[in-house]
Amino acid sequence: MRIETLDVLRCPYCGGRLSLVDSIFHRRTDNQIHDGILGCHCCIFPLVDGIPVLHVLPAATVARDHLQAGRPELARRAMFGLDNDSDAEAFDAVASSNTATYRDTVEALGPNFEGGYFLYRFSDPTYIVAQAVARAVGATVLGGKRRAIDICGGSGHVTRTLLDLSEMPPVLADLYFAKVWLARRFTAPGCEPVCCDGNAPMPFARGTFSFAMCTDAFMYIWTKRQFVGEMERLVEARAPGAEPGAVLIGHTHNERTWTPSHGQPLSPEGYRDLFETFEPRIFGEGNLFTDVVAGGPLDLSRRDSQDTLDKSPALAIVASRHPGVFAKHPLTPPDTAAGELRINPLYTQEADGDRVRLTLVFPNEEYADEYGACRQYLPEALTLDRSAVAALSSGRVSGEFVELLRRKVIVDLPKRYY
């Protein structure tokens, strides 16, 4: 964790500032804290492998005790939930490897970790909408200099899309230590991960951020009113005349429809009533999906009818006073890859002379049922020149790559992803 991040951290329970307890075991350099104990007025919290753990659930208590005894490696095992020595040693071997991929590391975490879903995340229908909306709103309110936070951001797939929007590193907050650790290492390197509970007050100072977002998770939050109030607090302008910030809640399910993994959703007006200091605008995700599949623009100036909202399985909620947010935003393709260009892992590849045949194959029926809308942009089959496939390693986006990247046949993946 960067030393300066201490300036914006607050205890979620008493609101006090946090500081490193120098009298207890710790490891730090001039600008980073690697392991140690953070203290406030009421609690002490573990900081494990550079990640502050700002909750008091059992694993955090065990990790804190290990750190106090000078055992940082056991503190990390506790946060990963690796109670079995053989499993822990196997994971440690993968985690210490310079060649292990995201996929290798997820598999080393065991079958209970939701790794299969994340492997295909960068071309999921829910992701392409979340990415487009997050970039449109984020680019507008961050101005290249202000800070963003992705709350309940998992292992950082949408966080990654914020990295180039500001010189300030985005914060990734999630309850699961393993996910934010994976984000920092693979998915969104450069982000600042914080392990905290979305059902508790956020452990950050008022007005720390200009953009606060939560995508594909809000329907699982029980304390929704508190959560939205915290998002509003985090983006509250602290200085007169300061640029307004924005709140985004993406892909939250609709109480009036059924979807897989339904959670505890609200109706459109139920979501609207959660906001007190901002006037939210609610969008049916289907229209935003249509915008993205068509190549843009992403129309945030629209006002969906009540009937459209009632029939939408998923909703996107944007709240901001910034005049540039509720407008039409172009979806500009990148000139170069942020990571490495790869054939989408949903395609099998078969060599055919100087050509490569690609066939769309879903990993299982459950995936096809939930994410089958990707057929609107992923062709069932196509053929590419082998020379074109080999040229992916250049990272340049030009010619036929532009359209293939837009349609997610080619995906811009983090390095060493699979």
Protein backbone atom coordinates (compact mmCIF):
# COMPACT_ATOMS: atom_id res chain seq x y z
CA MET A 1 0.00 0.00 0.00
CA ARG A 2 1.24 3.48 -0.83
CA ILE A 3 2.10 5.52 2.26
CA GLU A 4 -0.04 8.43 1.03
CA THR A 5 -3.13 6.19 0.98
CA LEU A 6 -3.15 6.48 4.79
CA ASP A 7 -4.27 10.08 4.30
CA VAL A 8 -7.65 8.99 2.91
CA LEU A 9 -8.29 5.84 4.98
CA ARG A 10 -10.69 6.01 7.94
CA CYS A 11 -11.92 3.40 10.39
CA PRO A 12 -15.32 2.11 9.18
CA TYR A 13 -16.57 1.95 12.79
CA CYS A 14 -15.33 5.08 14.59
CA GLY A 15 -14.31 7.21 11.59
CA GLY A 16 -10.86 7.85 13.05
CA ARG A 17 -7.68 8.20 11.04
CA LEU A 18 -5.52 5.11 10.66
CA SER A 19 -1.80 4.96 11.23
CA LEU A 20 0.87 2.28 11.18
CA VAL A 21 1.60 0.88 14.65
CA ASP A 22 5.39 1.10 14.65
CA SER A 23 5.80 -0.78 17.92
CA ILE A 24 4.45 -4.01 16.37
CA PHE A 25 6.04 -6.11 13.60
CA HIS A 26 5.87 -4.37 10.24
CA ARG A 27 7.66 -4.20 6.91
CA ARG A 28 7.84 -0.99 4.92
CA THR A 29 9.95 1.01 2.50
CA ASP A 30 10.07 4.76 1.95
CA ASN A 31 6.81 4.82 -0.03
CA GLN A 32 5.11 1.45 0.63
CA ILE A 33 3.82 -0.52 3.62
CA HIS A 34 4.07 -4.24 2.94
CA ASP A 35 2.87 -5.79 6.21
CA GLY A 36 1.84 -4.40 9.56
CA ILE A 37 -0.93 -3.28 11.89
CA LEU A 38 -3.05 -0.17 11.37
CA GLY A 39 -4.61 1.44 14.42
CA CYS A 40 -7.37 3.99 15.09
CA HIS A 41 -9.34 5.08 18.19
CA CYS A 42 -11.20 1.76 18.51
CA CYS A 43 -9.53 -1.04 16.56
CA ILE A 44 -6.38 -2.46 15.08
CA PHE A 45 -6.48 -3.90 11.57
CA PRO A 46 -4.04 -6.11 9.66
CA LEU A 47 -2.27 -4.87 6.54
CA VAL A 48 -1.35 -8.05 4.68
CA ASP A 49 0.95 -8.23 1.66
CA GLY A 50 0.35 -4.54 0.98
CA ILE A 51 -3.45 -4.70 1.34
CA PRO A 52 -5.24 -3.09 4.32
CA VAL A 53 -7.95 -5.37 5.70
CA LEU A 54 -10.49 -3.00 7.25
CA HIS A 55 -13.07 -5.36 8.70
CA VAL A 56 -13.21 -7.62 11.77
CA LEU A 57 -14.40 -10.89 10.25
CA PRO A 58 -12.70 -14.06 11.57
CA ALA A 59 -9.99 -14.35 8.88
CA ALA A 60 -8.91 -10.76 9.58
CA THR A 61 -8.62 -11.50 13.30
CA VAL A 62 -6.46 -14.56 12.61
CA ALA A 63 -4.27 -12.57 10.19
CA ARG A 64 -3.88 -9.78 12.75
CA ASP A 65 -2.69 -12.27 15.38
CA HIS A 66 -0.15 -13.75 12.95
CA LEU A 67 1.21 -10.29 12.13
CA GLN A 68 1.52 -9.37 15.77
CA ALA A 69 3.61 -12.52 16.18
CA GLY A 70 5.78 -11.65 13.18
CA ARG A 71 4.35 -14.30 10.82
CA PRO A 72 3.33 -12.42 7.65
CA GLU A 73 3.31 -15.55 5.46
CA LEU A 74 0.71 -17.16 7.76
CA ALA A 75 -1.30 -13.93 7.79
CA ARG A 76 -1.56 -14.11 4.01
CA ARG A 77 -2.59 -17.75 4.12
CA ALA A 78 -5.33 -16.88 6.58
CA MET A 79 -6.69 -14.16 4.30
CA PHE A 80 -6.71 -16.57 1.36
CA GLY A 81 -8.56 -19.14 3.49
CA LEU A 82 -5.79 -21.71 3.01
CA ASP A 83 -6.10 -23.78 6.18
CA ASN A 84 -4.62 -26.98 4.76
CA ASP A 85 -0.80 -26.97 4.69
CA SER A 86 -0.52 -28.84 1.40
CA ASP A 87 -3.00 -26.51 -0.34
CA ALA A 88 -1.23 -23.49 1.12
CA GLU A 89 2.18 -24.71 -0.06
CA ALA A 90 0.83 -25.44 -3.54
CA PHE A 91 -0.65 -21.95 -3.76
CA ASP A 92 2.52 -20.32 -2.42
CA ALA A 93 4.50 -22.07 -5.19
CA VAL A 94 2.18 -20.63 -7.86
CA ALA A 95 2.06 -17.19 -6.23
CA SER A 96 5.87 -16.97 -6.17
CA SER A 97 6.20 -17.95 -9.84
CA ASN A 98 7.09 -15.27 -12.39
CA THR A 99 5.36 -17.21 -15.17
CA ALA A 100 2.10 -18.27 -13.49
CA THR A 101 -1.02 -16.85 -15.14
CA TYR A 102 -4.23 -15.50 -13.67
CA ARG A 103 -5.84 -18.79 -14.63
CA ASP A 104 -3.09 -20.84 -12.92
CA THR A 105 -3.42 -18.79 -9.75
CA VAL A 106 -7.21 -19.02 -9.66
CA GLU A 107 -7.01 -22.80 -10.09
CA ALA A 108 -4.54 -22.97 -7.21
CA LEU A 109 -7.14 -21.29 -5.00
CA GLY A 110 -9.35 -24.35 -5.37
CA PRO A 111 -12.72 -25.28 -6.90
CA ASN A 112 -14.76 -23.00 -4.63
CA PHE A 113 -13.27 -19.85 -6.13
CA GLU A 114 -15.37 -18.42 -8.99
CA GLY A 115 -12.58 -18.49 -11.52
CA GLY A 116 -14.36 -19.95 -14.55
CA TYR A 117 -16.74 -17.01 -14.69
CA PHE A 118 -13.90 -14.50 -14.59
CA LEU A 119 -11.93 -16.21 -17.36
CA TYR A 120 -14.52 -15.08 -19.92
CA ARG A 121 -15.42 -11.81 -18.20
CA PHE A 122 -13.85 -9.45 -20.75
CA SER A 123 -16.39 -10.34 -23.44
CA ASP A 124 -19.51 -10.91 -21.33
CA PRO A 125 -22.55 -8.79 -22.26
CA THR A 126 -22.68 -7.36 -18.73
CA TYR A 127 -19.00 -6.40 -18.93
CA ILE A 128 -19.11 -4.57 -22.26
CA VAL A 129 -21.91 -2.33 -20.97
CA ALA A 130 -20.19 -1.77 -17.60
CA GLN A 131 -16.93 -0.89 -19.36
CA ALA A 132 -18.60 1.58 -21.71
CA VAL A 133 -20.62 3.37 -19.02
CA ALA A 134 -17.72 3.45 -16.54
CA ARG A 135 -15.38 4.97 -19.12
CA ALA A 136 -17.96 7.50 -20.33
CA VAL A 137 -18.83 8.76 -16.85
CA GLY A 138 -15.32 8.35 -15.44
CA ALA A 139 -13.61 10.26 -18.24
CA THR A 140 -16.11 13.10 -17.81
CA VAL A 141 -15.75 13.65 -14.06
CA LEU A 142 -12.16 12.56 -13.39
CA GLY A 143 -10.54 15.04 -15.76
CA GLY A 144 -7.34 13.04 -15.81
CA LYS A 145 -6.40 14.13 -12.29
CA ARG A 146 -9.01 13.01 -9.76
CA ARG A 147 -9.50 9.65 -8.05
CA ALA A 148 -12.01 6.86 -8.67
CA ILE A 149 -13.15 3.95 -6.52
CA ASP A 150 -14.63 0.63 -7.67
CA ILE A 151 -16.62 -0.78 -4.74
CA CYS A 152 -17.35 -4.53 -4.66
CA GLY A 153 -15.10 -4.62 -7.71
CA GLY A 154 -14.00 -8.26 -7.36
CA SER A 155 -10.73 -9.00 -9.06
CA GLY A 156 -10.64 -5.70 -10.88
CA HIS A 157 -12.00 -6.35 -14.37
CA VAL A 158 -13.92 -3.08 -14.56
CA THR A 159 -11.33 -1.32 -12.38
CA ARG A 160 -8.87 -2.00 -15.20
CA THR A 161 -10.85 0.25 -17.52
CA LEU A 162 -10.26 3.20 -15.16
CA LEU A 163 -6.46 2.97 -15.06
CA ASP A 164 -5.78 5.35 -17.95
CA LEU A 165 -8.46 7.90 -17.03
CA SER A 166 -6.48 9.61 -14.28
CA GLU A 167 -2.96 9.99 -12.98
CA MET A 168 -4.37 9.04 -9.55
CA PRO A 169 -4.55 5.25 -9.14
CA PRO A 170 -8.12 3.95 -8.73
CA VAL A 171 -9.00 2.25 -5.46
CA LEU A 172 -10.48 -1.24 -5.67
CA ALA A 173 -12.56 -2.19 -2.63
CA ASP A 174 -13.92 -5.69 -2.04
CA LEU A 175 -14.63 -8.02 0.87
CA TYR A 176 -12.61 -10.89 -0.60
CA PHE A 177 -8.87 -10.55 -0.12
CA ALA A 178 -8.02 -13.07 -2.84
CA LYS A 179 -9.88 -11.04 -5.46
CA VAL A 180 -8.22 -7.71 -4.78
CA TRP A 181 -4.84 -9.46 -4.55
CA LEU A 182 -5.44 -10.97 -8.01
CA ALA A 183 -6.46 -7.57 -9.33
CA ARG A 184 -3.26 -5.89 -8.16
CA ARG A 185 -1.11 -8.70 -9.57
CA PHE A 186 -2.83 -9.46 -12.88
CA THR A 187 -6.05 -7.72 -13.81
CA ALA A 188 -5.56 -4.09 -12.79
CA PRO A 189 -1.90 -3.60 -11.81
CA GLY A 190 -1.44 -0.11 -10.48
CA CYS A 191 -4.75 0.00 -8.63
CA GLU A 192 -4.79 0.48 -4.86
CA PRO A 193 -6.62 -2.49 -3.30
CA VAL A 194 -8.51 -2.27 0.01
CA CYS A 195 -10.26 -5.20 1.64
CA CYS A 196 -13.47 -4.01 3.33
CA ASP A 197 -17.13 -4.92 3.85
CA GLY A 198 -19.69 -3.34 1.52
CA ASN A 199 -22.38 -3.75 4.19
CA ALA A 200 -20.42 -1.49 6.57
CA PRO A 201 -19.53 2.20 6.21
CA MET A 202 -16.81 2.79 3.65
CA PRO A 203 -13.32 3.21 5.21
CA PHE A 204 -12.48 6.46 3.39
CA ALA A 205 -12.62 10.16 4.13
CA ARG A 206 -15.47 12.30 2.84
CA GLY A 207 -14.89 13.70 -0.65
CA THR A 208 -11.87 11.48 -1.37
CA PHE A 209 -13.16 10.53 -4.81
CA SER A 210 -14.77 12.14 -7.83
CA PHE A 211 -16.17 8.88 -9.20
CA ALA A 212 -17.61 6.02 -7.15
CA MET A 213 -18.95 2.97 -8.93
CA CYS A 214 -20.30 -0.48 -8.18
CA THR A 215 -21.11 -2.90 -11.01
CA ASP A 216 -22.76 -6.32 -10.99
CA ALA A 217 -22.87 -6.49 -7.18
CA PHE A 218 -25.33 -4.00 -5.69
CA MET A 219 -28.26 -6.45 -5.65
CA TYR A 220 -26.29 -8.56 -3.16
CA ILE A 221 -25.81 -5.67 -0.71
CA TRP A 222 -28.31 -5.78 2.15
CA THR A 223 -27.61 -2.28 3.56
CA LYS A 224 -28.48 -0.53 0.30
CA ARG A 225 -29.51 2.80 1.80
CA GLN A 226 -26.28 3.05 3.78
CA PHE A 227 -24.24 1.96 0.74
CA VAL A 228 -25.67 4.68 -1.52
CA GLY A 229 -25.31 7.27 1.23
CA GLU A 230 -21.66 6.30 1.51
CA MET A 231 -21.14 6.60 -2.24
CA GLU A 232 -22.65 10.08 -2.13
CA ARG A 233 -20.40 10.99 0.82
CA LEU A 234 -17.28 9.74 -0.95
CA VAL A 235 -17.82 11.97 -4.00
CA GLU A 236 -19.08 15.02 -2.12
CA ALA A 237 -17.24 18.12 -3.34
CA ARG A 238 -15.17 19.55 -0.48
CA ALA A 239 -14.31 22.93 -1.98
CA PRO A 240 -16.65 25.65 -3.30
CA GLY A 241 -16.75 25.59 -7.08
CA ALA A 242 -15.16 22.13 -7.33
CA GLU A 243 -16.11 19.98 -10.30
CA PRO A 244 -19.07 17.72 -9.45
CA GLY A 245 -18.44 14.00 -9.11
CA ALA A 246 -20.59 11.03 -10.09
CA VAL A 247 -22.00 7.78 -8.73
CA LEU A 248 -22.56 4.74 -10.95
CA ILE A 249 -24.38 1.56 -10.02
CA GLY A 250 -24.18 -0.77 -13.00
CA HIS A 251 -25.99 -4.00 -13.80
CA THR A 252 -28.20 -4.20 -10.73
CA HIS A 253 -31.14 -6.56 -11.05
CA ASN A 254 -34.77 -5.46 -11.23
CA GLU A 255 -37.27 -6.74 -8.69
CA ARG A 256 -39.97 -6.81 -11.40
CA THR A 257 -38.17 -9.34 -13.60
CA TRP A 258 -36.34 -12.63 -13.09
CA THR A 259 -32.66 -13.18 -13.80
CA PRO A 260 -30.13 -15.84 -12.78
CA SER A 261 -28.38 -15.06 -9.47
CA HIS A 262 -31.21 -12.69 -8.62
CA GLY A 263 -29.93 -11.40 -5.26
CA GLN A 264 -32.11 -8.96 -3.28
CA PRO A 265 -33.05 -6.38 -5.96
CA LEU A 266 -35.37 -3.38 -5.73
CA SER A 267 -37.80 -1.87 -8.21
CA PRO A 268 -36.67 1.12 -10.30
CA GLU A 269 -38.40 3.54 -7.95
CA GLY A 270 -36.96 1.67 -4.95
CA TYR A 271 -33.47 2.29 -6.29
CA ARG A 272 -34.30 5.94 -7.00
CA ASP A 273 -35.47 6.51 -3.42
CA LEU A 274 -32.09 5.43 -2.04
CA PHE A 275 -30.50 8.69 -3.19
CA GLU A 276 -30.72 11.80 -1.02
CA THR A 277 -28.15 14.34 -2.24
CA PHE A 278 -28.09 13.43 -5.96
CA GLU A 279 -30.90 13.05 -8.47
CA PRO A 280 -30.27 9.68 -10.16
CA ARG A 281 -31.14 8.72 -13.71
CA ILE A 282 -32.04 5.07 -14.26
CA PHE A 283 -31.43 3.27 -17.55
CA GLY A 284 -32.65 -0.07 -18.83
CA GLU A 285 -29.45 -1.93 -19.60
CA GLY A 286 -30.87 -3.34 -22.83
CA ASN A 287 -30.78 0.03 -24.60
CA LEU A 288 -27.21 0.66 -23.45
CA PHE A 289 -26.26 -2.81 -24.69
CA THR A 290 -27.74 -1.96 -28.10
CA ASP A 291 -25.66 1.23 -28.20
CA VAL A 292 -22.46 -0.66 -27.46
CA VAL A 293 -23.12 -3.48 -29.94
CA ALA A 294 -23.79 -0.86 -32.64
CA GLY A 295 -20.44 0.81 -31.93
CA GLY A 296 -21.89 3.86 -30.20
CA PRO A 297 -22.54 6.51 -29.32
CA LEU A 298 -23.50 5.54 -25.78
CA ASP A 299 -26.58 7.67 -25.17
CA LEU A 300 -26.75 8.78 -21.54
CA SER A 301 -28.99 11.67 -22.52
CA ARG A 302 -31.95 9.30 -22.99
CA ARG A 303 -34.76 9.02 -20.48
CA ASP A 304 -36.19 5.52 -20.53
CA SER A 305 -39.93 5.17 -20.00
CA GLN A 306 -41.34 3.53 -16.88
CA ASP A 307 -42.49 0.60 -19.03
CA THR A 308 -38.95 0.11 -20.37
CA LEU A 309 -37.53 0.17 -16.85
CA ASP A 310 -40.18 -2.22 -15.49
CA LYS A 311 -39.36 -4.78 -18.19
CA SER A 312 -35.55 -4.48 -17.93
CA PRO A 313 -33.89 -7.42 -16.15
CA ALA A 314 -30.92 -5.20 -15.27
CA LEU A 315 -30.63 -1.48 -14.62
CA ALA A 316 -27.84 1.08 -14.66
CA ILE A 317 -28.06 4.05 -12.30
CA VAL A 318 -26.06 7.24 -12.79
CA ALA A 319 -26.19 10.19 -10.42
CA SER A 320 -24.27 13.39 -11.04
CA ARG A 321 -24.59 17.17 -11.29
CA HIS A 322 -21.84 17.35 -13.90
CA PRO A 323 -23.32 18.81 -17.12
CA GLY A 324 -21.24 16.54 -19.32
CA VAL A 325 -22.42 13.21 -17.91
CA PHE A 326 -25.93 12.96 -19.38
CA ALA A 327 -24.91 13.25 -23.02
CA LYS A 328 -24.02 11.05 -25.98
CA HIS A 329 -20.53 9.60 -25.57
CA PRO A 330 -18.53 8.23 -28.53
CA LEU A 331 -17.06 4.75 -28.10
CA THR A 332 -13.58 5.35 -29.46
CA PRO A 333 -11.50 2.21 -30.11
CA PRO A 334 -7.95 2.19 -28.71
CA ASP A 335 -4.90 2.49 -30.98
CA THR A 336 -2.78 0.07 -28.94
CA ALA A 337 -3.51 -2.70 -26.51
CA ALA A 338 -3.45 -1.97 -22.79
CA GLY A 339 -2.25 -5.54 -22.21
CA GLU A 340 -1.97 -8.19 -24.91
CA LEU A 341 -4.28 -9.02 -27.80
CA ARG A 342 -5.58 -12.60 -27.75
CA ILE A 343 -8.24 -14.64 -29.47
CA ASN A 344 -11.30 -14.74 -27.21
CA PRO A 345 -11.08 -17.92 -25.06
CA LEU A 346 -14.70 -18.69 -26.00
CA TYR A 347 -13.37 -19.72 -29.44
CA THR A 348 -11.74 -23.00 -30.32
CA GLN A 349 -8.97 -22.66 -32.91
CA GLU A 350 -8.28 -25.14 -35.71
CA ALA A 351 -5.44 -24.73 -38.21
CA ASP A 352 -6.43 -24.96 -41.88
CA GLY A 353 -3.36 -24.32 -44.03
CA ASP A 354 -2.70 -20.59 -44.01
CA ARG A 355 -5.96 -19.99 -42.16
CA VAL A 356 -7.28 -20.53 -38.66
CA ARG A 357 -10.90 -21.55 -38.15
CA LEU A 358 -12.57 -20.15 -35.01
CA THR A 359 -15.71 -21.71 -33.54
CA LEU A 360 -17.70 -20.23 -30.67
CA VAL A 361 -18.08 -22.75 -27.85
CA PHE A 362 -19.60 -21.93 -24.46
CA PRO A 363 -18.02 -23.60 -21.42
CA ASN A 364 -21.36 -24.97 -20.16
CA GLU A 365 -25.14 -24.60 -20.46
CA GLU A 366 -25.36 -22.26 -17.48
CA TYR A 367 -22.98 -19.83 -19.16
CA ALA A 368 -24.94 -20.03 -22.42
CA ASP A 369 -28.21 -19.33 -20.58
CA GLU A 370 -26.89 -16.31 -18.69
CA TYR A 371 -24.56 -14.75 -21.26
CA GLY A 372 -25.97 -15.99 -24.57
CA ALA A 373 -26.61 -12.40 -25.67
CA CYS A 374 -22.93 -12.27 -26.65
CA ARG A 375 -24.04 -13.97 -29.89
CA GLN A 376 -25.18 -10.51 -30.98
CA TYR A 377 -21.54 -9.52 -31.45
CA LEU A 378 -19.59 -12.80 -31.42
CA PRO A 379 -20.04 -14.71 -34.70
CA GLU A 380 -20.62 -18.46 -34.41
CA ALA A 381 -17.67 -19.15 -36.70
CA LEU A 382 -15.11 -17.26 -38.77
CA THR A 383 -11.74 -17.75 -40.42
CA LEU A 384 -8.64 -15.62 -40.03
CA ASP A 385 -5.27 -15.58 -41.78
CA ARG A 386 -2.59 -17.20 -39.64
CA SER A 387 -0.37 -14.19 -40.34
CA ALA A 388 -3.05 -11.91 -38.88
CA VAL A 389 -3.26 -14.07 -35.76
CA ALA A 390 0.52 -13.99 -35.41
CA ALA A 391 0.47 -10.19 -35.73
CA LEU A 392 -1.61 -9.90 -32.56
CA SER A 393 1.61 -9.93 -30.56
CA SER A 394 2.46 -6.45 -31.90
CA GLY A 395 -0.31 -4.96 -29.76
CA ARG A 396 -1.26 -2.50 -32.51
CA VAL A 397 -4.95 -2.06 -33.26
CA SER A 398 -5.46 -1.34 -36.95
CA GLY A 399 -7.10 -2.74 -40.07
CA GLU A 400 -9.38 -5.71 -39.46
CA PHE A 401 -8.33 -5.80 -35.80
CA VAL A 402 -10.41 -2.70 -35.07
CA GLU A 403 -13.69 -4.42 -35.89
CA LEU A 404 -12.64 -7.77 -34.39
CA LEU A 405 -11.68 -6.02 -31.17
CA ARG A 406 -14.94 -4.09 -31.09
CA ARG A 407 -16.88 -7.32 -31.49
CA LYS A 408 -14.70 -9.08 -28.87
CA VAL A 409 -13.49 -11.80 -31.23
CA ILE A 410 -10.12 -10.42 -30.18
CA VAL A 411 -9.87 -9.30 -26.58
CA ASP A 412 -7.37 -6.96 -24.93
CA LEU A 413 -6.39 -9.02 -21.91
CA PRO A 414 -4.08 -8.36 -18.99
CA LYS A 415 -0.66 -9.90 -19.43
CA ARG A 416 -0.40 -13.51 -18.30
CA TYR A 417 -4.18 -13.83 -18.05
CA TYR A 418 -4.65 -17.32 -19.46
